[in-house]
Amino acid sequence: MSRPLFSIEGIRKAYGSKVVLSDLSFEVPAGESFVILGGSGSGKSVLLRQLNGLERPDSGRVVFDGIDLSSLEERDLFPIRKRVAMLFQSGALFDSMTVFDNVAFPLRQDGGHGEQAIAERVHELLERVRLPDIDAKMPAALSGGMKKRVALARSLALSPEVVLYDEPTTGLDPRTSATIGSLIKTQQQQLRVTSIVVTHDLALARRVGDRVAFLDRGRFRFVGDWADADQTDDELFAAFLGGREEIDEA
């Protein structure tokens, strides 16, 4: 395994009396595709938002490439977020902008990119997500799967080292979900992008994940590869993998 790109050290996050993450520690090496599984309300998306400073843990540390994100001021997180992009569950496209302007947005915000260079980059990215010739369309004219792919193109605009995926196949049919999974894997393999994927979609998880973690009640009950996952003696995780109803842990 390569060097740890992320080191999460004993983080805790609560909202009032509800503890969502509890003394959670793990590492993600550079170049890995790390999948976080768990049921609804298990804290998966909350965990993901700790990894680029959108939220901060109540205690513990989130260390990215040797930098403790938990200690940074908001302005100091801007360069980190260029390196750690996030694909939101909804896609979060700007409805008032064309596809072209959505994908170009981070390039223009970053500054220093001429319009010709921006146009070339936008068209390169739309080709990468298999959506050429839609740059003039508005988001309202796109299917759910197309919106996710445009959002993926936008997340890659500044050539990030990491992409955080928050439920990237929610609301999509199996065929479109498989396309999204294929694109996630392609970015990891061809661009050496580290992927951290939060999902409850087992087909996607198996398609893209090098390692898998199972989050329940704020802690990981399992972290390992798929060979070990399929042999797990954790009954709750085995039930999740088997698509069975949640069991009584007692």
Protein backbone atom coordinates (compact mmCIF):
# COMPACT_ATOMS: atom_id res chain seq x y z
CA MET A 1 0.00 0.00 0.00
CA SER A 2 1.16 3.56 -0.71
CA ARG A 3 1.50 6.34 1.85
CA PRO A 4 -1.60 7.36 3.80
CA LEU A 5 -3.16 10.35 2.09
CA PHE A 6 -5.86 10.63 4.74
CA SER A 7 -5.33 9.74 8.39
CA ILE A 8 -8.47 10.04 10.50
CA GLU A 9 -7.62 9.95 14.19
CA GLY A 10 -10.33 9.36 16.77
CA ILE A 11 -12.92 11.77 15.39
CA ARG A 12 -16.19 12.33 17.18
CA LYS A 13 -19.20 14.27 15.90
CA ALA A 14 -22.49 14.86 17.67
CA TYR A 15 -25.55 17.02 17.09
CA GLY A 16 -26.95 17.79 20.48
CA SER A 17 -27.28 14.49 22.33
CA LYS A 18 -27.10 12.40 19.14
CA VAL A 19 -23.61 11.00 18.59
CA VAL A 20 -23.11 10.39 14.85
CA LEU A 21 -19.38 9.53 14.75
CA SER A 22 -17.69 7.98 17.76
CA ASP A 23 -13.89 7.72 18.15
CA LEU A 24 -13.46 6.79 14.48
CA SER A 25 -9.96 6.12 13.12
CA PHE A 26 -8.81 4.88 9.70
CA GLU A 27 -6.40 5.62 6.84
CA VAL A 28 -6.84 5.90 3.09
CA PRO A 29 -3.71 5.47 0.94
CA ALA A 30 -3.13 7.56 -2.17
CA GLY A 31 -4.65 5.99 -5.28
CA GLU A 32 -7.14 3.77 -3.44
CA SER A 33 -10.87 3.52 -3.96
CA PHE A 34 -12.29 3.27 -0.44
CA VAL A 35 -16.00 2.52 -0.08
CA ILE A 36 -18.00 3.34 3.04
CA LEU A 37 -21.18 1.30 3.39
CA GLY A 38 -23.95 1.69 5.92
CA GLY A 39 -27.67 2.04 6.31
CA SER A 40 -29.61 5.28 6.18
CA GLY A 41 -28.73 7.55 9.09
CA SER A 42 -25.52 5.68 9.90
CA GLY A 43 -23.38 8.82 9.55
CA LYS A 44 -21.80 8.14 6.15
CA SER A 45 -22.42 11.59 4.66
CA VAL A 46 -21.46 13.31 7.91
CA LEU A 47 -18.15 11.44 7.81
CA LEU A 48 -17.55 12.44 4.19
CA ARG A 49 -18.04 16.13 5.00
CA GLN A 50 -15.28 15.93 7.61
CA LEU A 51 -12.78 15.01 4.91
CA ASN A 52 -12.72 18.39 3.15
CA GLY A 53 -13.58 20.59 6.09
CA LEU A 54 -17.23 21.22 5.23
CA GLU A 55 -17.85 20.12 8.79
CA ARG A 56 -15.39 19.78 11.65
CA PRO A 57 -15.21 17.02 14.24
CA ASP A 58 -15.96 17.85 17.85
CA SER A 59 -12.73 16.07 18.76
CA GLY A 60 -10.03 14.09 17.00
CA ARG A 61 -8.14 15.00 13.83
CA VAL A 62 -8.61 14.76 10.07
CA VAL A 63 -5.13 14.79 8.53
CA PHE A 64 -4.78 15.18 4.75
CA ASP A 65 -1.30 14.80 3.29
CA GLY A 66 0.20 15.74 6.65
CA ILE A 67 -2.09 18.77 7.15
CA ASP A 68 -4.51 18.78 10.10
CA LEU A 69 -7.70 20.10 8.52
CA SER A 70 -9.36 20.42 11.89
CA SER A 71 -7.03 23.27 12.82
CA LEU A 72 -7.36 25.35 9.63
CA GLU A 73 -9.30 28.57 9.23
CA GLU A 74 -11.94 28.58 6.50
CA ARG A 75 -9.76 30.62 4.11
CA ASP A 76 -6.94 28.11 4.54
CA LEU A 77 -9.23 25.29 3.41
CA PHE A 78 -9.61 26.76 -0.12
CA PRO A 79 -6.37 25.23 -1.48
CA ILE A 80 -7.28 21.91 0.16
CA ARG A 81 -10.64 21.87 -1.60
CA LYS A 82 -8.89 22.27 -4.94
CA ARG A 83 -7.10 19.01 -4.14
CA VAL A 84 -10.13 17.28 -2.57
CA ALA A 85 -13.22 17.63 -4.75
CA MET A 86 -16.69 16.48 -3.77
CA LEU A 87 -19.53 15.09 -5.86
CA PHE A 88 -22.71 15.86 -3.93
CA GLN A 89 -25.65 13.47 -3.84
CA SER A 90 -27.88 15.88 -5.78
CA GLY A 91 -25.12 16.84 -8.23
CA ALA A 92 -25.62 20.47 -7.08
CA LEU A 93 -25.52 21.95 -10.57
CA PHE A 94 -26.37 25.62 -10.99
CA ASP A 95 -29.83 25.61 -12.62
CA SER A 96 -29.35 29.05 -14.17
CA MET A 97 -26.12 28.06 -15.96
CA THR A 98 -25.56 25.95 -19.06
CA VAL A 99 -23.66 22.69 -18.80
CA PHE A 100 -20.61 24.49 -20.20
CA ASP A 101 -20.74 27.21 -17.56
CA ASN A 102 -21.30 24.68 -14.77
CA VAL A 103 -18.17 22.75 -15.71
CA ALA A 104 -16.22 25.96 -16.34
CA PHE A 105 -17.23 27.47 -12.99
CA PRO A 106 -14.32 26.16 -10.86
CA LEU A 107 -11.82 27.11 -13.55
CA ARG A 108 -13.10 30.67 -13.66
CA GLN A 109 -13.20 30.87 -9.86
CA ASP A 110 -9.62 29.64 -9.71
CA GLY A 111 -8.43 32.40 -12.04
CA GLY A 112 -5.52 32.42 -14.43
CA HIS A 113 -7.28 30.40 -17.13
CA GLY A 114 -8.01 32.04 -20.47
CA GLU A 115 -11.39 31.40 -22.08
CA GLN A 116 -9.85 29.34 -24.88
CA ALA A 117 -8.10 27.11 -22.36
CA ILE A 118 -11.32 26.85 -20.34
CA ALA A 119 -13.30 25.82 -23.42
CA GLU A 120 -10.77 23.13 -24.28
CA ARG A 121 -10.79 21.81 -20.72
CA VAL A 122 -14.61 21.76 -20.53
CA HIS A 123 -14.90 19.82 -23.78
CA GLU A 124 -12.17 17.40 -22.64
CA LEU A 125 -14.04 16.75 -19.39
CA LEU A 126 -17.41 16.27 -21.09
CA GLU A 127 -15.78 13.76 -23.42
CA ARG A 128 -14.31 12.00 -20.39
CA VAL A 129 -17.77 11.49 -18.86
CA ARG A 130 -19.17 10.46 -22.26
CA LEU A 131 -21.35 13.54 -22.76
CA PRO A 132 -19.98 15.37 -25.79
CA ASP A 133 -22.03 18.06 -27.50
CA ILE A 134 -24.33 18.92 -24.57
CA ASP A 135 -22.46 22.01 -23.38
CA ALA A 136 -25.26 24.40 -24.44
CA LYS A 137 -28.00 22.50 -22.59
CA MET A 138 -29.48 23.62 -19.28
CA PRO A 139 -29.55 21.23 -16.30
CA ALA A 140 -33.36 21.05 -16.47
CA ALA A 141 -33.03 19.34 -19.87
CA LEU A 142 -30.84 16.54 -18.50
CA SER A 143 -31.74 13.18 -17.01
CA GLY A 144 -30.66 12.36 -13.46
CA GLY A 145 -27.76 10.28 -14.70
CA MET A 146 -26.58 13.00 -17.06
CA LYS A 147 -26.65 15.55 -14.22
CA LYS A 148 -24.44 13.28 -12.11
CA ARG A 149 -21.98 12.91 -14.98
CA VAL A 150 -21.84 16.68 -15.57
CA ALA A 151 -21.27 17.14 -11.84
CA LEU A 152 -18.44 14.59 -12.04
CA ALA A 153 -16.90 16.52 -14.95
CA ARG A 154 -17.07 19.70 -12.88
CA SER A 155 -15.47 18.00 -9.87
CA LEU A 156 -12.50 17.00 -12.06
CA ALA A 157 -11.99 20.47 -13.55
CA LEU A 158 -9.05 21.43 -11.31
CA SER A 159 -7.41 17.98 -11.51
CA PRO A 160 -7.99 17.03 -7.86
CA GLU A 161 -6.04 14.30 -6.12
CA VAL A 162 -9.16 13.05 -4.34
CA VAL A 163 -12.85 12.89 -5.21
CA LEU A 164 -15.39 12.36 -2.43
CA TYR A 165 -18.59 10.76 -3.74
CA ASP A 166 -21.77 11.15 -1.67
CA GLU A 167 -24.31 8.50 -2.74
CA PRO A 168 -23.46 8.94 -6.45
CA THR A 169 -26.13 6.51 -7.72
CA THR A 170 -29.11 7.54 -5.58
CA GLY A 171 -32.27 7.67 -7.69
CA LEU A 172 -30.67 6.12 -10.78
CA ASP A 173 -31.69 2.96 -12.59
CA PRO A 174 -29.27 -0.03 -12.55
CA ARG A 175 -27.90 0.61 -16.04
CA THR A 176 -27.15 4.28 -15.32
CA SER A 177 -25.70 3.33 -11.93
CA ALA A 178 -23.34 0.93 -13.69
CA THR A 179 -22.23 3.75 -16.00
CA ILE A 180 -21.47 5.98 -13.01
CA GLY A 181 -19.53 3.14 -11.39
CA SER A 182 -17.51 2.62 -14.54
CA LEU A 183 -16.65 6.33 -14.68
CA ILE A 184 -15.56 6.39 -11.03
CA LYS A 185 -13.27 3.42 -11.62
CA THR A 186 -11.90 4.95 -14.83
CA GLN A 187 -10.95 8.21 -13.08
CA GLN A 188 -9.16 6.26 -10.37
CA GLN A 189 -7.22 4.10 -12.81
CA GLN A 190 -6.42 6.61 -15.55
CA LEU A 191 -5.97 9.80 -13.52
CA ARG A 192 -4.68 8.14 -10.30
CA VAL A 193 -7.48 9.89 -8.41
CA THR A 194 -8.08 8.64 -4.87
CA SER A 195 -11.79 7.88 -4.46
CA ILE A 196 -13.79 7.79 -1.24
CA VAL A 197 -17.31 6.61 -2.01
CA VAL A 198 -20.21 6.74 0.44
CA THR A 199 -23.06 4.51 -0.69
CA HIS A 200 -25.61 1.88 0.23
CA ASP A 201 -25.54 0.57 -3.37
CA LEU A 202 -23.83 -2.83 -3.10
CA ALA A 203 -23.44 -3.27 -6.86
CA LEU A 204 -21.62 0.07 -7.07
CA ALA A 205 -19.51 -0.75 -4.01
CA ARG A 206 -18.31 -4.02 -5.51
CA ARG A 207 -17.64 -2.39 -8.87
CA VAL A 208 -15.44 0.42 -7.58
CA GLY A 209 -14.10 -0.49 -4.14
CA ASP A 210 -10.58 -1.71 -3.42
CA ARG A 211 -11.46 -1.78 0.27
CA VAL A 212 -14.77 -1.50 2.06
CA ALA A 213 -15.79 -0.25 5.50
CA PHE A 214 -19.15 -0.79 7.19
CA LEU A 215 -20.32 2.09 9.37
CA ASP A 216 -22.87 1.48 12.10
CA ARG A 217 -23.71 3.69 15.09
CA GLY A 218 -20.73 5.92 14.51
CA ARG A 219 -18.10 3.17 14.32
CA PHE A 220 -16.66 0.87 11.68
CA ARG A 221 -17.71 -2.72 12.33
CA PHE A 222 -15.56 -3.89 9.42
CA VAL A 223 -12.69 -2.55 7.31
CA GLY A 224 -11.02 -4.76 4.72
CA ASP A 225 -11.05 -6.10 1.18
CA TRP A 226 -13.94 -7.86 -0.50
CA ALA A 227 -12.53 -11.35 0.03
CA ASP A 228 -12.58 -10.75 3.79
CA ALA A 229 -15.95 -8.98 3.61
CA ASP A 230 -17.54 -12.01 1.99
CA GLN A 231 -16.22 -14.17 4.82
CA THR A 232 -17.16 -11.79 7.63
CA ASP A 233 -18.40 -13.21 10.91
CA ASP A 234 -20.11 -9.91 11.77
CA GLU A 235 -23.79 -10.83 11.53
CA LEU A 236 -25.05 -7.31 10.90
CA PHE A 237 -22.58 -6.70 8.08
CA ALA A 238 -23.28 -10.13 6.59
CA ALA A 239 -27.00 -9.34 6.65
CA PHE A 240 -26.34 -6.01 4.92
CA LEU A 241 -24.26 -7.69 2.21
CA GLY A 242 -26.95 -10.31 1.75
CA GLY A 243 -29.67 -7.72 1.40
CA ARG A 244 -31.54 -9.20 4.33
CA GLU A 245 -33.63 -7.35 6.88
CA GLU A 246 -31.64 -5.82 9.72
CA ILE A 247 -31.14 -8.44 12.41
CA ASP A 248 -31.33 -8.23 16.17
CA GLU A 249 -27.72 -7.93 17.30
CA ALA A 250 -28.55 -9.73 20.50
